[in-house]
Amino acid sequence: MHDANASVAAPVTPLRDALAYIEANFDKTVSLAELAEVSALSVSRFATVFRQQVGLSPYKYLCEVRVRRAQLLLLAGVPGAVVATQVGFFDQSHLGRHFKRFCGVTPSAFLQQARALEAA
């Protein structure tokens, strides 16, 4: 999984505001226009600067934030279908696709691995 914190160590102020906005609103629909407005940049300029500074598109970064939050909820015992809607995905299969893309495993395999590590 991409370590967003490493690549976003010292973003320029407009991006810092956008990143904070994503972290605060990850469970809602977040549009590129909203992020550009928060950053006081045009949509096209924002998308370019974001990708240069963060290394991901704004949408992929948002999905990564959602997956990280999903991991915490899954580990806390929240059912996958509930987790999906709580972190902003449409449904459990939407969560599963993005989870596998970022983590390399499905949410259930992630939980099995975590439980195996706890038991060890």
PDB file of N, CA and C in Angstrom:
ATOM      1  N   MET A   1       0.842  -1.175   0.000  1.00  0.00           N
ATOM      2  CA  MET A   1       0.000   0.000   0.000  1.00  0.00           C
ATOM      3  C   MET A   1       0.883   1.232   0.000  1.00  0.00           C
ATOM      4  N   HIS A   2       0.477   2.231  -0.727  1.00  0.00           N
ATOM      5  CA  HIS A   2       1.199   3.496  -0.823  1.00  0.00           C
ATOM      6  C   HIS A   2       1.196   4.173   0.539  1.00  0.00           C
ATOM      7  N   ASP A   3       2.333   4.642   1.007  1.00  0.00           N
ATOM      8  CA  ASP A   3       2.406   5.344   2.282  1.00  0.00           C
ATOM      9  C   ASP A   3       2.191   6.824   2.035  1.00  0.00           C
ATOM     10  N   ALA A   4       0.963   7.251   2.149  1.00  0.00           N
ATOM     11  CA  ALA A   4       0.604   8.631   1.843  1.00  0.00           C
ATOM     12  C   ALA A   4       1.333   9.612   2.750  1.00  0.00           C
ATOM     13  N   ASN A   5       1.549   9.233   4.002  1.00  0.00           N
ATOM     14  CA  ASN A   5       2.194  10.158   4.927  1.00  0.00           C
ATOM     15  C   ASN A   5       3.625  10.466   4.521  1.00  0.00           C
ATOM     16  N   ALA A   6       4.295   9.517   3.926  1.00  0.00           N
ATOM     17  CA  ALA A   6       5.683   9.742   3.521  1.00  0.00           C
ATOM     18  C   ALA A   6       5.763  10.710   2.359  1.00  0.00           C
ATOM     19  N   SER A   7       4.841  10.597   1.401  1.00  0.00           N
ATOM     20  CA  SER A   7       4.912  11.452   0.225  1.00  0.00           C
ATOM     21  C   SER A   7       4.273  12.814   0.450  1.00  0.00           C
ATOM     22  N   VAL A   8       3.574  12.997   1.548  1.00  0.00           N
ATOM     23  CA  VAL A   8       2.887  14.249   1.806  1.00  0.00           C
ATOM     24  C   VAL A   8       3.496  14.924   3.029  1.00  0.00           C
ATOM     25  N   ALA A   9       4.787  14.739   3.218  1.00  0.00           N
ATOM     26  CA  ALA A   9       5.449  15.229   4.420  1.00  0.00           C
ATOM     27  C   ALA A   9       5.289  16.737   4.596  1.00  0.00           C
ATOM     28  N   ALA A  10       5.495  17.511   3.534  1.00  0.00           N
ATOM     29  CA  ALA A  10       5.399  18.962   3.662  1.00  0.00           C
ATOM     30  C   ALA A  10       4.719  19.563   2.432  1.00  0.00           C
ATOM     31  N   PRO A  11       3.428  19.278   2.254  1.00  0.00           N
ATOM     32  CA  PRO A  11       2.758  19.806   1.070  1.00  0.00           C
ATOM     33  C   PRO A  11       2.599  21.317   1.171  1.00  0.00           C
ATOM     34  N   VAL A  12       2.456  21.931   0.018  1.00  0.00           N
ATOM     35  CA  VAL A  12       2.209  23.367   0.020  1.00  0.00           C
ATOM     36  C   VAL A  12       0.871  23.623   0.697  1.00  0.00           C
ATOM     37  N   THR A  13       0.675  24.824   1.218  1.00  0.00           N
ATOM     38  CA  THR A  13      -0.509  25.139   2.005  1.00  0.00           C
ATOM     39  C   THR A  13      -1.820  24.781   1.323  1.00  0.00           C
ATOM     40  N   PRO A  14      -2.034  25.101   0.034  1.00  0.00           N
ATOM     41  CA  PRO A  14      -3.315  24.727  -0.570  1.00  0.00           C
ATOM     42  C   PRO A  14      -3.584  23.218  -0.505  1.00  0.00           C
ATOM     43  N   LEU A  15      -2.546  22.427  -0.694  1.00  0.00           N
ATOM     44  CA  LEU A  15      -2.749  20.985  -0.619  1.00  0.00           C
ATOM     45  C   LEU A  15      -2.982  20.530   0.808  1.00  0.00           C
ATOM     46  N   ARG A  16      -2.342  21.162   1.753  1.00  0.00           N
ATOM     47  CA  ARG A  16      -2.564  20.815   3.155  1.00  0.00           C
ATOM     48  C   ARG A  16      -4.044  20.981   3.484  1.00  0.00           C
ATOM     49  N   ASP A  17      -4.650  22.056   2.986  1.00  0.00           N
ATOM     50  CA  ASP A  17      -6.080  22.290   3.224  1.00  0.00           C
ATOM     51  C   ASP A  17      -6.924  21.213   2.546  1.00  0.00           C
ATOM     52  N   ALA A  18      -6.565  20.842   1.331  1.00  0.00           N
ATOM     53  CA  ALA A  18      -7.304  19.806   0.605  1.00  0.00           C
ATOM     54  C   ALA A  18      -7.171  18.454   1.297  1.00  0.00           C
ATOM     55  N   LEU A  19      -5.971  18.126   1.762  1.00  0.00           N
ATOM     56  CA  LEU A  19      -5.758  16.855   2.455  1.00  0.00           C
ATOM     57  C   LEU A  19      -6.568  16.810   3.750  1.00  0.00           C
ATOM     58  N   ALA A  20      -6.593  17.911   4.470  1.00  0.00           N
ATOM     59  CA  ALA A  20      -7.388  17.981   5.701  1.00  0.00           C
ATOM     60  C   ALA A  20      -8.874  17.833   5.379  1.00  0.00           C
ATOM     61  N   TYR A  21      -9.302  18.431   4.279  1.00  0.00           N
ATOM     62  CA  TYR A  21     -10.703  18.334   3.853  1.00  0.00           C
ATOM     63  C   TYR A  21     -11.052  16.880   3.528  1.00  0.00           C
ATOM     64  N   ILE A  22     -10.163  16.191   2.825  1.00  0.00           N
ATOM     65  CA  ILE A  22     -10.392  14.780   2.498  1.00  0.00           C
ATOM     66  C   ILE A  22     -10.472  13.958   3.782  1.00  0.00           C
ATOM     67  N   GLU A  23      -9.549  14.164   4.699  1.00  0.00           N
ATOM     68  CA  GLU A  23      -9.547  13.406   5.956  1.00  0.00           C
ATOM     69  C   GLU A  23     -10.831  13.635   6.754  1.00  0.00           C
ATOM     70  N   ALA A  24     -11.355  14.865   6.712  1.00  0.00           N
ATOM     71  CA  ALA A  24     -12.562  15.193   7.472  1.00  0.00           C
ATOM     72  C   ALA A  24     -13.847  14.745   6.769  1.00  0.00           C
ATOM     73  N   ASN A  25     -13.793  14.562   5.454  1.00  0.00           N
ATOM     74  CA  ASN A  25     -15.006  14.274   4.684  1.00  0.00           C
ATOM     75  C   ASN A  25     -14.914  12.999   3.848  1.00  0.00           C
ATOM     76  N   PHE A  26     -14.012  12.095   4.204  1.00  0.00           N
ATOM     77  CA  PHE A  26     -13.782  10.890   3.399  1.00  0.00           C
ATOM     78  C   PHE A  26     -15.040  10.036   3.244  1.00  0.00           C
ATOM     79  N   ASP A  27     -15.965  10.143   4.198  1.00  0.00           N
ATOM     80  CA  ASP A  27     -17.157   9.303   4.170  1.00  0.00           C
ATOM     81  C   ASP A  27     -18.285   9.885   3.320  1.00  0.00           C
ATOM     82  N   LYS A  28     -18.034  11.049   2.738  1.00  0.00           N
ATOM     83  CA  LYS A  28     -19.019  11.713   1.888  1.00  0.00           C
ATOM     84  C   LYS A  28     -18.498  11.742   0.453  1.00  0.00           C
ATOM     85  N   THR A  29     -19.340  12.204  -0.457  1.00  0.00           N
ATOM     86  CA  THR A  29     -18.886  12.437  -1.823  1.00  0.00           C
ATOM     87  C   THR A  29     -18.024  13.687  -1.813  1.00  0.00           C
ATOM     88  N   VAL A  30     -16.804  13.571  -2.285  1.00  0.00           N
ATOM     89  CA  VAL A  30     -15.871  14.697  -2.340  1.00  0.00           C
ATOM     90  C   VAL A  30     -15.538  14.929  -3.810  1.00  0.00           C
ATOM     91  N   SER A  31     -15.892  16.104  -4.303  1.00  0.00           N
ATOM     92  CA  SER A  31     -15.647  16.385  -5.720  1.00  0.00           C
ATOM     93  C   SER A  31     -14.322  17.108  -5.929  1.00  0.00           C
ATOM     94  N   LEU A  32     -13.826  16.972  -7.126  1.00  0.00           N
ATOM     95  CA  LEU A  32     -12.605  17.671  -7.509  1.00  0.00           C
ATOM     96  C   LEU A  32     -12.814  19.176  -7.396  1.00  0.00           C
ATOM     97  N   ALA A  33     -13.995  19.649  -7.769  1.00  0.00           N
ATOM     98  CA  ALA A  33     -14.303  21.082  -7.685  1.00  0.00           C
ATOM     99  C   ALA A  33     -14.244  21.575  -6.241  1.00  0.00           C
ATOM    100  N   GLU A  34     -14.759  20.776  -5.295  1.00  0.00           N
ATOM    101  CA  GLU A  34     -14.692  21.152  -3.883  1.00  0.00           C
ATOM    102  C   GLU A  34     -13.246  21.271  -3.418  1.00  0.00           C
ATOM    103  N   LEU A  35     -12.446  20.281  -3.784  1.00  0.00           N
ATOM    104  CA  LEU A  35     -11.043  20.278  -3.366  1.00  0.00           C
ATOM    105  C   LEU A  35     -10.284  21.443  -3.979  1.00  0.00           C
ATOM    106  N   ALA A  36     -10.571  21.741  -5.234  1.00  0.00           N
ATOM    107  CA  ALA A  36      -9.920  22.870  -5.886  1.00  0.00           C
ATOM    108  C   ALA A  36     -10.311  24.174  -5.196  1.00  0.00           C
ATOM    109  N   GLU A  37     -11.589  24.280  -4.830  1.00  0.00           N
ATOM    110  CA  GLU A  37     -12.057  25.496  -4.155  1.00  0.00           C
ATOM    111  C   GLU A  37     -11.392  25.661  -2.796  1.00  0.00           C
ATOM    112  N   VAL A  38     -11.302  24.580  -2.041  1.00  0.00           N
ATOM    113  CA  VAL A  38     -10.634  24.608  -0.731  1.00  0.00           C
ATOM    114  C   VAL A  38      -9.184  25.047  -0.890  1.00  0.00           C
ATOM    115  N   SER A  39      -8.595  24.658  -2.006  1.00  0.00           N
ATOM    116  CA  SER A  39      -7.186  24.956  -2.261  1.00  0.00           C
ATOM    117  C   SER A  39      -6.956  26.283  -2.967  1.00  0.00           C
ATOM    118  N   ALA A  40      -8.041  26.950  -3.348  1.00  0.00           N
ATOM    119  CA  ALA A  40      -7.960  28.220  -4.085  1.00  0.00           C
ATOM    120  C   ALA A  40      -7.186  28.066  -5.392  1.00  0.00           C
ATOM    121  N   LEU A  41      -7.427  26.939  -6.079  1.00  0.00           N
ATOM    122  CA  LEU A  41      -6.804  26.676  -7.369  1.00  0.00           C
ATOM    123  C   LEU A  41      -7.897  26.299  -8.364  1.00  0.00           C
ATOM    124  N   SER A  42      -7.594  26.417  -9.652  1.00  0.00           N
ATOM    125  CA  SER A  42      -8.532  25.927 -10.656  1.00  0.00           C
ATOM    126  C   SER A  42      -8.549  24.399 -10.574  1.00  0.00           C
ATOM    127  N   VAL A  43      -9.592  23.786 -11.094  1.00  0.00           N
ATOM    128  CA  VAL A  43      -9.706  22.334 -11.036  1.00  0.00           C
ATOM    129  C   VAL A  43      -8.523  21.670 -11.722  1.00  0.00           C
ATOM    130  N   SER A  44      -8.178  22.140 -12.917  1.00  0.00           N
ATOM    131  CA  SER A  44      -7.072  21.494 -13.641  1.00  0.00           C
ATOM    132  C   SER A  44      -5.741  21.717 -12.933  1.00  0.00           C
ATOM    133  N   ARG A  45      -5.515  22.911 -12.420  1.00  0.00           N
ATOM    134  CA  ARG A  45      -4.262  23.185 -11.709  1.00  0.00           C
ATOM    135  C   ARG A  45      -4.184  22.360 -10.423  1.00  0.00           C
ATOM    136  N   PHE A  46      -5.305  22.278  -9.719  1.00  0.00           N
ATOM    137  CA  PHE A  46      -5.337  21.493  -8.489  1.00  0.00           C
ATOM    138  C   PHE A  46      -4.973  20.037  -8.770  1.00  0.00           C
ATOM    139  N   ALA A  47      -5.608  19.442  -9.791  1.00  0.00           N
ATOM    140  CA  ALA A  47      -5.350  18.039 -10.116  1.00  0.00           C
ATOM    141  C   ALA A  47      -3.880  17.807 -10.435  1.00  0.00           C
ATOM    142  N   THR A  48      -3.288  18.734 -11.168  1.00  0.00           N
ATOM    143  CA  THR A  48      -1.869  18.615 -11.535  1.00  0.00           C
ATOM    144  C   THR A  48      -0.973  18.729 -10.304  1.00  0.00           C
ATOM    145  N   VAL A  49      -1.205  19.747  -9.502  1.00  0.00           N
ATOM    146  CA  VAL A  49      -0.384  19.971  -8.309  1.00  0.00           C
ATOM    147  C   VAL A  49      -0.545  18.822  -7.323  1.00  0.00           C
ATOM    148  N   PHE A  50      -1.772  18.354  -7.153  1.00  0.00           N
ATOM    149  CA  PHE A  50      -2.017  17.260  -6.217  1.00  0.00           C
ATOM    150  C   PHE A  50      -1.225  16.026  -6.630  1.00  0.00           C
ATOM    151  N   ARG A  51      -1.318  15.670  -7.900  1.00  0.00           N
ATOM    152  CA  ARG A  51      -0.609  14.477  -8.379  1.00  0.00           C
ATOM    153  C   ARG A  51       0.908  14.650  -8.217  1.00  0.00           C
ATOM    154  N   GLN A  52       1.419  15.843  -8.487  1.00  0.00           N
ATOM    155  CA  GLN A  52       2.859  16.091  -8.355  1.00  0.00           C
ATOM    156  C   GLN A  52       3.303  15.980  -6.894  1.00  0.00           C
ATOM    157  N   GLN A  53       2.524  16.541  -5.993  1.00  0.00           N
ATOM    158  CA  GLN A  53       2.910  16.579  -4.580  1.00  0.00           C
ATOM    159  C   GLN A  53       2.646  15.263  -3.845  1.00  0.00           C
ATOM    160  N   VAL A  54       1.516  14.613  -4.158  1.00  0.00           N
ATOM    161  CA  VAL A  54       1.088  13.437  -3.408  1.00  0.00           C
ATOM    162  C   VAL A  54       1.476  12.134  -4.091  1.00  0.00           C
ATOM    163  N   GLY A  55       1.555  12.158  -5.416  1.00  0.00           N
ATOM    164  CA  GLY A  55       1.917  10.955  -6.145  1.00  0.00           C
ATOM    165  C   GLY A  55       0.725  10.103  -6.548  1.00  0.00           C
ATOM    166  N   LEU A  56      -0.461  10.562  -6.234  1.00  0.00           N
ATOM    167  CA  LEU A  56      -1.711   9.890  -6.591  1.00  0.00           C
ATOM    168  C   LEU A  56      -2.695  10.941  -7.079  1.00  0.00           C
ATOM    169  N   SER A  57      -3.700  10.501  -7.827  1.00  0.00           N
ATOM    170  CA  SER A  57      -4.776  11.420  -8.175  1.00  0.00           C
ATOM    171  C   SER A  57      -5.589  11.698  -6.909  1.00  0.00           C
ATOM    172  N   PRO A  58      -6.310  12.803  -6.860  1.00  0.00           N
ATOM    173  CA  PRO A  58      -7.143  13.064  -5.682  1.00  0.00           C
ATOM    174  C   PRO A  58      -8.119  11.927  -5.389  1.00  0.00           C
ATOM    175  N   TYR A  59      -8.711  11.341  -6.433  1.00  0.00           N
ATOM    176  CA  TYR A  59      -9.667  10.247  -6.225  1.00  0.00           C
ATOM    177  C   TYR A  59      -8.986   9.023  -5.625  1.00  0.00           C
ATOM    178  N   LYS A  60      -7.810   8.665  -6.139  1.00  0.00           N
ATOM    179  CA  LYS A  60      -7.102   7.504  -5.595  1.00  0.00           C
ATOM    180  C   LYS A  60      -6.689   7.751  -4.150  1.00  0.00           C
ATOM    181  N   TYR A  61      -6.286   8.980  -3.856  1.00  0.00           N
ATOM    182  CA  TYR A  61      -5.927   9.309  -2.471  1.00  0.00           C
ATOM    183  C   TYR A  61      -7.145   9.168  -1.560  1.00  0.00           C
ATOM    184  N   LEU A  62      -8.302   9.682  -2.002  1.00  0.00           N
ATOM    185  CA  LEU A  62      -9.539   9.562  -1.232  1.00  0.00           C
ATOM    186  C   LEU A  62      -9.859   8.092  -0.980  1.00  0.00           C
ATOM    187  N   CYS A  63      -9.733   7.268  -2.003  1.00  0.00           N
ATOM    188  CA  CYS A  63      -9.994   5.833  -1.845  1.00  0.00           C
ATOM    189  C   CYS A  63      -9.029   5.207  -0.854  1.00  0.00           C
ATOM    190  N   GLU A  64      -7.781   5.637  -0.894  1.00  0.00           N
ATOM    191  CA  GLU A  64      -6.796   5.105   0.049  1.00  0.00           C
ATOM    192  C   GLU A  64      -7.150   5.483   1.486  1.00  0.00           C
ATOM    193  N   VAL A  65      -7.578   6.714   1.691  1.00  0.00           N
ATOM    194  CA  VAL A  65      -8.007   7.143   3.029  1.00  0.00           C
ATOM    195  C   VAL A  65      -9.182   6.273   3.488  1.00  0.00           C
ATOM    196  N   ARG A  66     -10.125   6.041   2.587  1.00  0.00           N
ATOM    197  CA  ARG A  66     -11.282   5.209   2.932  1.00  0.00           C
ATOM    198  C   ARG A  66     -10.860   3.788   3.292  1.00  0.00           C
ATOM    199  N   VAL A  67      -9.927   3.229   2.553  1.00  0.00           N
ATOM    200  CA  VAL A  67      -9.467   1.869   2.825  1.00  0.00           C
ATOM    201  C   VAL A  67      -8.754   1.821   4.174  1.00  0.00           C
ATOM    202  N   ARG A  68      -7.926   2.812   4.465  1.00  0.00           N
ATOM    203  CA  ARG A  68      -7.239   2.835   5.772  1.00  0.00           C
ATOM    204  C   ARG A  68      -8.254   2.871   6.915  1.00  0.00           C
ATOM    205  N   ARG A  69      -9.294   3.687   6.756  1.00  0.00           N
ATOM    206  CA  ARG A  69     -10.337   3.749   7.790  1.00  0.00           C
ATOM    207  C   ARG A  69     -11.087   2.425   7.867  1.00  0.00           C
ATOM    208  N   ALA A  70     -11.332   1.817   6.714  1.00  0.00           N
ATOM    209  CA  ALA A  70     -12.023   0.521   6.679  1.00  0.00           C
ATOM    210  C   ALA A  70     -11.221  -0.534   7.441  1.00  0.00           C
ATOM    211  N   GLN A  71      -9.909  -0.517   7.290  1.00  0.00           N
ATOM    212  CA  GLN A  71      -9.063  -1.480   8.005  1.00  0.00           C
ATOM    213  C   GLN A  71      -9.287  -1.374   9.511  1.00  0.00           C
ATOM    214  N   LEU A  72      -9.308  -0.151  10.017  1.00  0.00           N
ATOM    215  CA  LEU A  72      -9.502   0.056  11.457  1.00  0.00           C
ATOM    216  C   LEU A  72     -10.858  -0.456  11.918  1.00  0.00           C
ATOM    217  N   LEU A  73     -11.904  -0.166  11.139  1.00  0.00           N
ATOM    218  CA  LEU A  73     -13.244  -0.616  11.507  1.00  0.00           C
ATOM    219  C   LEU A  73     -13.360  -2.139  11.436  1.00  0.00           C
ATOM    220  N   LEU A  74     -12.782  -2.736  10.406  1.00  0.00           N
ATOM    221  CA  LEU A  74     -12.814  -4.195  10.293  1.00  0.00           C
ATOM    222  C   LEU A  74     -12.109  -4.843  11.481  1.00  0.00           C
ATOM    223  N   LEU A  75     -10.961  -4.297  11.845  1.00  0.00           N
ATOM    224  CA  LEU A  75     -10.220  -4.838  12.994  1.00  0.00           C
ATOM    225  C   LEU A  75     -10.999  -4.670  14.298  1.00  0.00           C
ATOM    226  N   ALA A  76     -11.875  -3.655  14.337  1.00  0.00           N
ATOM    227  CA  ALA A  76     -12.695  -3.421  15.526  1.00  0.00           C
ATOM    228  C   ALA A  76     -13.933  -4.320  15.540  1.00  0.00           C
ATOM    229  N   GLY A  77     -14.105  -5.137  14.481  1.00  0.00           N
ATOM    230  CA  GLY A  77     -15.209  -6.078  14.456  1.00  0.00           C
ATOM    231  C   GLY A  77     -16.469  -5.593  13.759  1.00  0.00           C
ATOM    232  N   VAL A  78     -16.402  -4.453  13.097  1.00  0.00           N
ATOM    233  CA  VAL A  78     -17.573  -3.938  12.381  1.00  0.00           C
ATOM    234  C   VAL A  78     -17.756  -4.773  11.104  1.00  0.00           C
ATOM    235  N   PRO A  79     -18.990  -5.226  10.818  1.00  0.00           N
ATOM    236  CA  PRO A  79     -19.229  -6.026   9.612  1.00  0.00           C
ATOM    237  C   PRO A  79     -18.888  -5.258   8.332  1.00  0.00           C
ATOM    238  N   GLY A  80     -18.396  -5.992   7.325  1.00  0.00           N
ATOM    239  CA  GLY A  80     -17.950  -5.380   6.076  1.00  0.00           C
ATOM    240  C   GLY A  80     -18.981  -4.508   5.393  1.00  0.00           C
ATOM    241  N   ALA A  81     -20.241  -4.937   5.365  1.00  0.00           N
ATOM    242  CA  ALA A  81     -21.283  -4.149   4.701  1.00  0.00           C
ATOM    243  C   ALA A  81     -21.485  -2.809   5.409  1.00  0.00           C
ATOM    244  N   VAL A  82     -21.370  -2.806   6.720  1.00  0.00           N
ATOM    245  CA  VAL A  82     -21.508  -1.570   7.493  1.00  0.00           C
ATOM    246  C   VAL A  82     -20.280  -0.693   7.272  1.00  0.00           C
ATOM    247  N   VAL A  83     -19.114  -1.305   7.289  1.00  0.00           N
ATOM    248  CA  VAL A  83     -17.862  -0.577   7.062  1.00  0.00           C
ATOM    249  C   VAL A  83     -17.907   0.152   5.730  1.00  0.00           C
ATOM    250  N   ALA A  84     -18.354  -0.536   4.690  1.00  0.00           N
ATOM    251  CA  ALA A  84     -18.381   0.053   3.344  1.00  0.00           C
ATOM    252  C   ALA A  84     -19.121   1.374   3.334  1.00  0.00           C
ATOM    253  N   THR A  85     -20.310   1.407   3.903  1.00  0.00           N
ATOM    254  CA  THR A  85     -21.087   2.656   3.873  1.00  0.00           C
ATOM    255  C   THR A  85     -20.525   3.691   4.853  1.00  0.00           C
ATOM    256  N   GLN A  86     -19.954   3.246   5.959  1.00  0.00           N
ATOM    257  CA  GLN A  86     -19.404   4.199   6.929  1.00  0.00           C
ATOM    258  C   GLN A  86     -18.186   4.935   6.392  1.00  0.00           C
ATOM    259  N   VAL A  87     -17.439   4.325   5.490  1.00  0.00           N
ATOM    260  CA  VAL A  87     -16.239   4.979   4.968  1.00  0.00           C
ATOM    261  C   VAL A  87     -16.467   5.624   3.600  1.00  0.00           C
ATOM    262  N   GLY A  88     -17.708   5.554   3.084  1.00  0.00           N
ATOM    263  CA  GLY A  88     -18.015   6.286   1.864  1.00  0.00           C
ATOM    264  C   GLY A  88     -18.075   5.482   0.583  1.00  0.00           C
ATOM    265  N   PHE A  89     -17.959   4.151   0.673  1.00  0.00           N
ATOM    266  CA  PHE A  89     -18.111   3.344  -0.525  1.00  0.00           C
ATOM    267  C   PHE A  89     -19.586   3.031  -0.739  1.00  0.00           C
ATOM    268  N   PHE A  90     -19.959   2.751  -1.994  1.00  0.00           N
ATOM    269  CA  PHE A  90     -21.350   2.509  -2.342  1.00  0.00           C
ATOM    270  C   PHE A  90     -21.875   1.245  -1.677  1.00  0.00           C
ATOM    271  N   ASP A  91     -21.084   0.187  -1.709  1.00  0.00           N
ATOM    272  CA  ASP A  91     -21.493  -1.081  -1.099  1.00  0.00           C
ATOM    273  C   ASP A  91     -20.248  -1.917  -0.789  1.00  0.00           C
ATOM    274  N   GLN A  92     -20.498  -3.122  -0.295  1.00  0.00           N
ATOM    275  CA  GLN A  92     -19.390  -3.974   0.137  1.00  0.00           C
ATOM    276  C   GLN A  92     -18.490  -4.384  -1.025  1.00  0.00           C
ATOM    277  N   SER A  93     -19.047  -4.610  -2.212  1.00  0.00           N
ATOM    278  CA  SER A  93     -18.197  -5.010  -3.341  1.00  0.00           C
ATOM    279  C   SER A  93     -17.329  -3.841  -3.810  1.00  0.00           C
ATOM    280  N   HIS A  94     -17.856  -2.623  -3.710  1.00  0.00           N
ATOM    281  CA  HIS A  94     -17.073  -1.426  -4.045  1.00  0.00           C
ATOM    282  C   HIS A  94     -15.879  -1.327  -3.090  1.00  0.00           C
ATOM    283  N   LEU A  95     -16.141  -1.522  -1.811  1.00  0.00           N
ATOM    284  CA  LEU A  95     -15.063  -1.536  -0.816  1.00  0.00           C
ATOM    285  C   LEU A  95     -14.058  -2.634  -1.149  1.00  0.00           C
ATOM    286  N   GLY A  96     -14.557  -3.819  -1.452  1.00  0.00           N
ATOM    287  CA  GLY A  96     -13.673  -4.953  -1.718  1.00  0.00           C
ATOM    288  C   GLY A  96     -12.725  -4.698  -2.879  1.00  0.00           C
ATOM    289  N   ARG A  97     -13.237  -4.093  -3.960  1.00  0.00           N
ATOM    290  CA  ARG A  97     -12.383  -3.796  -5.125  1.00  0.00           C
ATOM    291  C   ARG A  97     -11.260  -2.838  -4.755  1.00  0.00           C
ATOM    292  N   HIS A  98     -11.597  -1.759  -4.070  1.00  0.00           N
ATOM    293  CA  HIS A  98     -10.574  -0.774  -3.705  1.00  0.00           C
ATOM    294  C   HIS A  98      -9.636  -1.319  -2.630  1.00  0.00           C
ATOM    295  N   PHE A  99     -10.175  -2.091  -1.709  1.00  0.00           N
ATOM    296  CA  PHE A  99      -9.361  -2.686  -0.653  1.00  0.00           C
ATOM    297  C   PHE A  99      -8.291  -3.586  -1.270  1.00  0.00           C
ATOM    298  N   LYS A 100      -8.711  -4.433  -2.210  1.00  0.00           N
ATOM    299  CA  LYS A 100      -7.754  -5.345  -2.845  1.00  0.00           C
ATOM    300  C   LYS A 100      -6.721  -4.570  -3.657  1.00  0.00           C
ATOM    301  N   ARG A 101      -7.141  -3.501  -4.322  1.00  0.00           N
ATOM    302  CA  ARG A 101      -6.211  -2.691  -5.115  1.00  0.00           C
ATOM    303  C   ARG A 101      -5.129  -2.075  -4.222  1.00  0.00           C
ATOM    304  N   PHE A 102      -5.504  -1.575  -3.056  1.00  0.00           N
ATOM    305  CA  PHE A 102      -4.532  -0.909  -2.184  1.00  0.00           C
ATOM    306  C   PHE A 102      -3.778  -1.866  -1.271  1.00  0.00           C
ATOM    307  N   CYS A 103      -4.448  -2.926  -0.825  1.00  0.00           N
ATOM    308  CA  CYS A 103      -3.830  -3.821   0.155  1.00  0.00           C
ATOM    309  C   CYS A 103      -3.317  -5.127  -0.439  1.00  0.00           C
ATOM    310  N   GLY A 104      -3.787  -5.463  -1.631  1.00  0.00           N
ATOM    311  CA  GLY A 104      -3.359  -6.698  -2.256  1.00  0.00           C
ATOM    312  C   GLY A 104      -4.140  -7.922  -1.814  1.00  0.00           C
ATOM    313  N   VAL A 105      -5.043  -7.744  -0.870  1.00  0.00           N
ATOM    314  CA  VAL A 105      -5.886  -8.840  -0.385  1.00  0.00           C
ATOM    315  C   VAL A 105      -7.307  -8.323  -0.185  1.00  0.00           C
ATOM    316  N   THR A 106      -8.244  -9.245  -0.096  1.00  0.00           N
ATOM    317  CA  THR A 106      -9.629  -8.865   0.176  1.00  0.00           C
ATOM    318  C   THR A 106      -9.775  -8.497   1.653  1.00  0.00           C
ATOM    319  N   PRO A 107     -10.857  -7.811   2.009  1.00  0.00           N
ATOM    320  CA  PRO A 107     -11.059  -7.499   3.433  1.00  0.00           C
ATOM    321  C   PRO A 107     -11.080  -8.747   4.317  1.00  0.00           C
ATOM    322  N   SER A 108     -11.702  -9.835   3.847  1.00  0.00           N
ATOM    323  CA  SER A 108     -11.747 -11.044   4.677  1.00  0.00           C
ATOM    324  C   SER A 108     -10.358 -11.658   4.840  1.00  0.00           C
ATOM    325  N   ALA A 109      -9.551 -11.656   3.773  1.00  0.00           N
ATOM    326  CA  ALA A 109      -8.179 -12.166   3.876  1.00  0.00           C
ATOM    327  C   ALA A 109      -7.354 -11.275   4.809  1.00  0.00           C
ATOM    328  N   PHE A 110      -7.578  -9.977   4.749  1.00  0.00           N
ATOM    329  CA  PHE A 110      -6.905  -9.036   5.651  1.00  0.00           C
ATOM    330  C   PHE A 110      -7.209  -9.396   7.107  1.00  0.00           C
ATOM    331  N   LEU A 111      -8.481  -9.655   7.395  1.00  0.00           N
ATOM    332  CA  LEU A 111      -8.871 -10.017   8.761  1.00  0.00           C
ATOM    333  C   LEU A 111      -8.256 -11.347   9.181  1.00  0.00           C
ATOM    334  N   GLN A 112      -8.232 -12.311   8.283  1.00  0.00           N
ATOM    335  CA  GLN A 112      -7.617 -13.603   8.602  1.00  0.00           C
ATOM    336  C   GLN A 112      -6.140 -13.434   8.929  1.00  0.00           C
ATOM    337  N   GLN A 113      -5.448 -12.624   8.139  1.00  0.00           N
ATOM    338  CA  GLN A 113      -4.019 -12.381   8.395  1.00  0.00           C
ATOM    339  C   GLN A 113      -3.823 -11.678   9.733  1.00  0.00           C
ATOM    340  N   ALA A 114      -4.678 -10.697  10.026  1.00  0.00           N
ATOM    341  CA  ALA A 114      -4.555  -9.959  11.291  1.00  0.00           C
ATOM    342  C   ALA A 114      -4.803 -10.878  12.478  1.00  0.00           C
ATOM    343  N   ARG A 115      -5.789 -11.734  12.362  1.00  0.00           N
ATOM    344  CA  ARG A 115      -6.090 -12.674  13.458  1.00  0.00           C
ATOM    345  C   ARG A 115      -4.960 -13.675  13.645  1.00  0.00           C
ATOM    346  N   ALA A 116      -4.356 -14.114  12.534  1.00  0.00           N
ATOM    347  CA  ALA A 116      -3.233 -15.051  12.622  1.00  0.00           C
ATOM    348  C   ALA A 116      -2.048 -14.413  13.327  1.00  0.00           C
ATOM    349  N   LEU A 117      -1.822 -13.122  13.050  1.00  0.00           N
ATOM    350  CA  LEU A 117      -0.719 -12.405  13.701  1.00  0.00           C
ATOM    351  C   LEU A 117      -0.999 -12.238  15.202  1.00  0.00           C
ATOM    352  N   GLU A 118      -2.263 -11.969  15.547  1.00  0.00           N
ATOM    353  CA  GLU A 118      -2.617 -11.817  16.957  1.00  0.00           C
ATOM    354  C   GLU A 118      -2.432 -13.135  17.709  1.00  0.00           C
ATOM    355  N   ALA A 119      -2.760 -14.238  17.044  1.00  0.00           N
ATOM    356  CA  ALA A 119      -2.668 -15.557  17.676  1.00  0.00           C
ATOM    357  C   ALA A 119      -1.217 -16.011  17.841  1.00  0.00           C
ATOM    358  N   ALA A 120      -0.353 -15.487  17.006  1.00  0.00           N
ATOM    359  CA  ALA A 120       1.057 -15.916  17.033  1.00  0.00           C
ATOM    360  C   ALA A 120       1.794 -15.378  18.223  1.00  0.00           C
TER     361      ALA A 120
END
